[in-house]
Protein backbone atom coordinates (compact mmCIF):
# COMPACT_ATOMS: atom_id res chain seq x y z
CA UNK A 1 103.91 71.58 119.94
CA UNK A 2 104.49 74.27 122.51
CA UNK A 3 107.23 73.70 125.06
CA UNK A 4 107.61 75.91 128.16
CA UNK A 5 110.83 77.87 128.16
CA UNK A 6 113.50 76.65 130.54
CA UNK A 7 113.41 78.96 133.58
CA UNK A 8 116.37 80.82 135.06
CA UNK A 9 117.73 84.38 135.16
CA UNK A 10 120.47 85.55 132.85
CA UNK A 11 124.03 85.47 134.15
CA UNK A 12 126.09 88.59 133.48
CA UNK A 13 129.29 86.56 133.73
CA UNK A 14 128.20 84.52 130.69
CA UNK A 15 127.11 87.54 128.65
CA UNK A 16 123.51 86.34 128.51
CA UNK A 17 120.71 88.49 127.04
CA UNK A 18 117.56 86.60 126.07
CA UNK A 19 114.87 87.15 123.43
CA UNK A 20 111.28 86.08 124.14
CA UNK A 21 109.14 87.75 121.45
CA UNK A 22 107.96 84.91 119.13
CA UNK A 23 107.72 87.14 116.05
CA UNK A 24 111.29 88.43 116.48
CA UNK A 25 112.58 84.93 117.20
CA UNK A 26 110.94 83.60 114.03
CA UNK A 27 112.60 86.35 111.98
CA UNK A 28 115.99 85.53 113.48
CA UNK A 29 115.54 81.79 112.95
CA UNK A 30 114.84 82.30 109.23
CA UNK A 31 117.08 85.32 108.53
CA UNK A 32 119.52 83.18 106.55
CA UNK A 33 116.81 81.39 104.59
CA UNK A 34 114.48 78.52 105.39
CA UNK A 35 115.79 76.05 107.98
CA UNK A 36 113.18 73.43 107.09
CA UNK A 37 114.74 69.97 107.07
CA UNK A 38 118.24 71.33 107.69
CA UNK A 39 120.85 70.57 110.34
CA UNK A 40 121.31 73.63 112.55
CA UNK A 41 123.71 74.37 115.40
CA UNK A 42 122.58 76.81 118.08
CA UNK A 43 125.10 78.16 120.58
CA UNK A 44 123.95 79.50 123.94
CA UNK A 45 120.23 78.66 123.65
CA UNK A 46 119.57 79.76 127.24
CA UNK A 47 115.90 79.36 128.11
CA UNK A 48 115.09 78.16 124.60
CA UNK A 49 113.31 81.00 122.83
CA UNK A 50 115.29 80.69 119.59
CA UNK A 51 115.39 76.90 120.04
CA UNK A 52 111.59 76.84 119.97
CA UNK A 53 111.48 79.13 116.92
CA UNK A 54 113.92 76.88 115.03
CA UNK A 55 111.96 73.74 115.89
CA UNK A 56 108.67 75.39 114.90
CA UNK A 57 110.29 76.43 111.60
CA UNK A 58 110.80 72.78 110.69
CA UNK A 59 114.50 72.26 111.39
CA UNK A 60 115.56 68.67 110.71
CA UNK A 61 118.23 68.27 113.39
CA UNK A 62 118.98 70.95 115.99
CA UNK A 63 122.19 70.71 118.02
CA UNK A 64 122.02 73.08 120.99
CA UNK A 65 125.36 73.78 122.71
CA UNK A 66 124.87 75.20 126.20
CA UNK A 67 127.48 75.87 128.90
CA UNK A 68 125.02 76.89 131.64
CA UNK A 69 124.01 73.85 133.73
CA UNK A 70 120.50 75.16 134.37
CA UNK A 71 119.56 75.57 130.73
CA UNK A 72 121.31 72.44 129.45
CA UNK A 73 119.41 70.31 131.96
CA UNK A 74 116.09 72.01 131.21
CA UNK A 75 116.44 71.67 127.44
CA UNK A 76 117.32 67.98 127.80
CA UNK A 77 113.75 67.40 129.07
CA UNK A 78 112.07 68.79 125.95
CA UNK A 79 110.04 66.18 123.99
CA UNK A 80 112.03 66.92 120.82
CA UNK A 81 115.04 65.30 122.51
CA UNK A 82 113.14 62.01 122.78
CA UNK A 83 111.95 62.44 119.20
CA UNK A 84 115.54 62.83 117.99
CA UNK A 85 115.16 66.32 116.52
CA UNK A 86 116.89 68.18 119.37
CA UNK A 87 120.33 67.20 120.64
CA UNK A 88 121.66 69.06 123.68
CA UNK A 89 125.43 69.26 124.17
CA UNK A 90 126.38 70.48 127.63
CA UNK A 91 129.73 72.22 127.25
CA UNK A 92 131.82 75.06 125.85
CA UNK A 93 131.15 75.77 122.16
CA UNK A 94 134.78 76.82 121.60
CA UNK A 95 135.92 73.37 122.78
CA UNK A 96 133.22 71.41 120.97
CA UNK A 97 134.05 69.21 117.97
CA UNK A 98 131.26 70.37 115.68
CA UNK A 99 131.69 67.71 112.95
CA UNK A 100 131.50 64.97 115.61
CA UNK A 101 128.34 66.50 117.09
CA UNK A 102 126.75 66.62 113.64
CA UNK A 103 127.63 62.99 112.98
CA UNK A 104 126.39 61.84 116.41
CA UNK A 105 123.06 63.59 115.83
CA UNK A 106 122.66 62.00 112.41
CA UNK A 107 122.79 65.43 110.85
CA UNK A 108 124.01 66.56 107.45
CA UNK A 109 126.83 68.87 106.44
CA UNK A 110 127.16 71.69 105.72
CA UNK A 111 125.23 72.65 108.85
CA UNK A 112 123.93 76.13 109.52
CA UNK A 113 124.81 77.99 112.69
CA UNK A 114 122.00 80.14 114.09
CA UNK A 115 122.70 81.78 117.43
CA UNK A 116 122.11 84.71 119.73
CA UNK A 117 125.74 84.61 120.84
CA UNK A 118 126.87 85.52 124.35
CA UNK A 119 128.46 88.94 123.85
CA UNK A 120 131.60 88.16 125.82
CA UNK A 121 132.69 85.36 123.46
CA UNK A 122 131.02 86.31 120.17
CA UNK A 123 134.09 87.61 118.34
CA UNK A 124 136.48 84.74 119.19
CA UNK A 125 133.75 82.25 118.29
CA UNK A 126 133.27 83.88 114.90
CA UNK A 127 137.01 83.86 114.13
CA UNK A 128 137.29 80.17 115.04
CA UNK A 129 134.31 79.31 112.83
CA UNK A 130 135.73 81.32 109.94
CA UNK A 131 138.87 79.18 110.15
CA UNK A 132 136.85 75.94 110.35
CA UNK A 133 136.87 73.44 107.45
CA UNK A 134 134.22 73.19 104.77
CA UNK A 135 131.55 71.44 106.91
CA UNK A 136 130.32 74.93 107.77
CA UNK A 137 127.31 76.44 106.05
CA UNK A 138 125.52 79.76 106.41
CA UNK A 139 125.90 81.47 109.79
CA UNK A 140 123.15 83.63 111.29
CA UNK A 141 124.65 85.33 114.34
CA UNK A 142 123.54 88.05 116.75
CA UNK A 143 126.22 90.57 117.77
CA UNK A 144 126.41 93.95 119.39
CA UNK A 145 125.66 96.38 116.56
CA UNK A 146 129.18 97.83 116.56
CA UNK A 147 130.68 94.36 116.07
CA UNK A 148 128.19 93.64 113.27
CA UNK A 149 129.26 96.85 111.49
CA UNK A 150 132.90 95.81 111.85
CA UNK A 151 132.17 92.46 110.18
CA UNK A 152 130.43 94.01 107.16
CA UNK A 153 132.54 97.16 106.64
CA UNK A 154 134.44 97.94 103.44
CA UNK A 155 137.90 99.49 103.08
CA UNK A 156 138.12 103.15 104.11
CA UNK A 157 134.90 102.94 106.16
CA UNK A 158 134.98 103.87 109.85
CA UNK A 159 134.37 100.32 111.14
CA UNK A 160 136.76 98.60 108.73
CA UNK A 161 139.43 96.47 110.33
CA UNK A 162 140.75 92.99 110.94
CA UNK A 163 137.35 91.41 111.56
CA UNK A 164 135.98 92.61 108.21
CA UNK A 165 139.04 91.35 106.32
CA UNK A 166 138.88 87.89 107.92
CA UNK A 167 135.10 87.57 107.57
CA UNK A 168 135.06 88.61 103.93
CA UNK A 169 137.91 86.28 103.02
CA UNK A 170 135.63 83.25 103.32
CA UNK A 171 132.05 84.58 103.58
CA UNK A 172 129.76 87.23 102.17
CA UNK A 173 128.35 88.95 105.29
CA UNK A 174 125.31 91.22 105.41
CA UNK A 175 123.36 93.05 108.09
CA UNK A 176 119.91 91.47 108.50
CA UNK A 177 118.00 92.61 111.60
CA UNK A 178 118.77 95.31 114.18
CA UNK A 179 117.06 95.18 117.58
CA UNK A 180 116.94 97.78 120.37
CA UNK A 181 118.03 96.94 123.95
CA UNK A 182 114.39 96.68 125.05
CA UNK A 183 113.87 93.56 122.93
CA UNK A 184 116.05 91.57 125.35
CA UNK A 185 115.83 90.47 128.97
CA UNK A 186 117.88 91.81 130.62
CA UNK A 187 118.37 94.68 128.14
CA UNK A 188 121.98 95.24 127.05
CA UNK A 189 123.35 98.77 126.87
CA UNK A 190 123.58 98.80 123.07
CA UNK A 191 121.61 97.83 119.97
CA UNK A 192 122.09 94.32 118.61
CA UNK A 193 122.28 93.19 114.99
CA UNK A 194 121.88 89.86 113.25
CA UNK A 195 124.55 89.22 110.63
CA UNK A 196 124.08 86.58 107.93
CA UNK A 197 127.37 85.16 106.66
CA UNK A 198 126.98 83.06 103.51
CA UNK A 199 130.05 80.95 102.67
CA UNK A 200 131.87 81.95 99.52
CA UNK A 201 132.16 79.37 96.72
CA UNK A 202 135.36 77.35 96.91
CA UNK A 203 136.97 79.24 94.01
CA UNK A 204 136.38 82.60 95.77
CA UNK A 205 137.60 81.63 99.25
CA UNK A 206 141.00 82.63 100.55
CA UNK A 207 142.52 79.45 101.94
CA UNK A 208 145.23 80.83 104.24
CA UNK A 209 143.06 82.46 106.88
CA UNK A 210 145.64 81.70 109.59
CA UNK A 211 148.22 83.68 107.64
CA UNK A 212 145.78 86.50 107.04
CA UNK A 213 144.98 86.55 110.75
CA UNK A 214 148.68 87.10 111.52
CA UNK A 215 149.16 89.78 108.86
CA UNK A 216 146.03 91.73 109.77
CA UNK A 217 146.88 91.60 113.48
CA UNK A 218 150.17 93.37 112.71
CA UNK A 219 148.73 95.77 110.13
CA UNK A 220 145.82 96.95 112.29
CA UNK A 221 147.74 96.72 115.56
CA UNK A 222 149.09 100.21 114.89
CA UNK A 223 146.51 101.42 112.42
CA UNK A 224 147.51 105.09 112.63
CA UNK A 225 150.95 104.23 111.28
CA UNK A 226 152.00 103.65 107.69
CA UNK A 227 152.23 99.98 106.78
CA UNK A 228 156.03 100.02 106.57
CA UNK A 229 156.09 100.96 110.28
CA UNK A 230 153.14 98.87 111.45
CA UNK A 231 154.48 95.70 109.81
CA UNK A 232 158.00 95.97 111.23
CA UNK A 233 156.90 93.71 114.08
CA UNK A 234 156.21 90.86 111.63
CA UNK A 235 159.37 89.41 110.03
CA UNK A 236 159.16 89.41 106.26
CA UNK A 237 156.04 91.55 106.07
CA UNK A 238 157.73 94.79 104.96
CA UNK A 239 159.44 92.95 102.10
CA UNK A 240 156.06 91.40 101.24
CA UNK A 241 154.68 94.91 100.66
CA UNK A 242 157.15 95.38 97.81
CA UNK A 243 156.53 91.92 96.41
CA UNK A 244 152.77 92.43 96.38
CA UNK A 245 153.05 95.92 94.85
CA UNK A 246 151.49 97.74 97.81
CA UNK A 247 152.67 101.26 98.58
CA UNK A 248 154.34 101.06 102.04
CA UNK A 249 153.12 104.56 102.90
CA UNK A 250 149.49 103.42 102.87
CA UNK A 251 147.62 102.60 106.07
CA UNK A 252 145.89 99.32 106.84
CA UNK A 253 142.35 100.69 106.60
CA UNK A 254 142.91 101.59 102.91
CA UNK A 255 143.75 98.05 101.83
CA UNK A 256 140.99 96.07 100.14
CA UNK A 257 140.25 92.39 100.54
CA UNK A 258 142.30 91.67 97.42
CA UNK A 259 145.20 93.74 98.77
CA UNK A 260 145.26 91.74 101.98
CA UNK A 261 145.08 88.48 100.07
CA UNK A 262 148.07 89.51 97.94
CA UNK A 263 150.01 90.74 101.00
CA UNK A 264 149.31 87.55 102.94
CA UNK A 265 150.37 85.34 100.02
CA UNK A 266 153.59 87.36 99.58
CA UNK A 267 154.33 87.20 103.31
CA UNK A 268 153.65 83.45 103.42
CA UNK A 269 156.12 82.96 100.57
CA UNK A 270 158.87 84.42 102.77
CA UNK A 271 158.30 81.94 105.59
């Protein structure tokens, strides 16, 4: 069933850039695998292009979280709301209790997250979701291309940093689709890339992401410095280098995922 898109111009203050091409939207909706029968969370649906693609792809329950009054009200009139397939939550995604929204919609966990994220909040949203409990499933998220490269980078690569270390501690991210500015309305100034983040199995996850967040913030905060200098701002971290067997003259961008796990565990042991 075709539903007209909810009208309204994009707001720069909310970082909104909308996709309207049905073929592109279908590719984004299914970039992380089939959504048929699954519970999916969409953040920032805007006028509903991706919402329509997800519904047409057979999603079981779709929870759309929208801060913009205009779009939340418009989406609430869609027939899929009456049918119980679409649930519109009017509010801030960072403040939303996702497990409660899933339960209220009659959805199942782990839920997927599929979203063309507002650029101004994309990175903090990702970090919060990475730290979320195990209700979370695969995430299919649109970022500015540079941010996407930072998520997927390996040690010693140009884009490698804190975001890659945190993302790869609990997920296996990959670049899926890159789109030029002209695919969006209004067009952003940069290319955009969809990243698929599949959750790691429990035995491969690093379970102290809060500690890793603290350690990586210090290590990459002064990335041109050797670790023994960069980590002086974090009590116990320099001693943790010795404990974890990491050469203190190395720089943060040379440390692998396993190095950061060992360093975080050693630092946590000093607390």
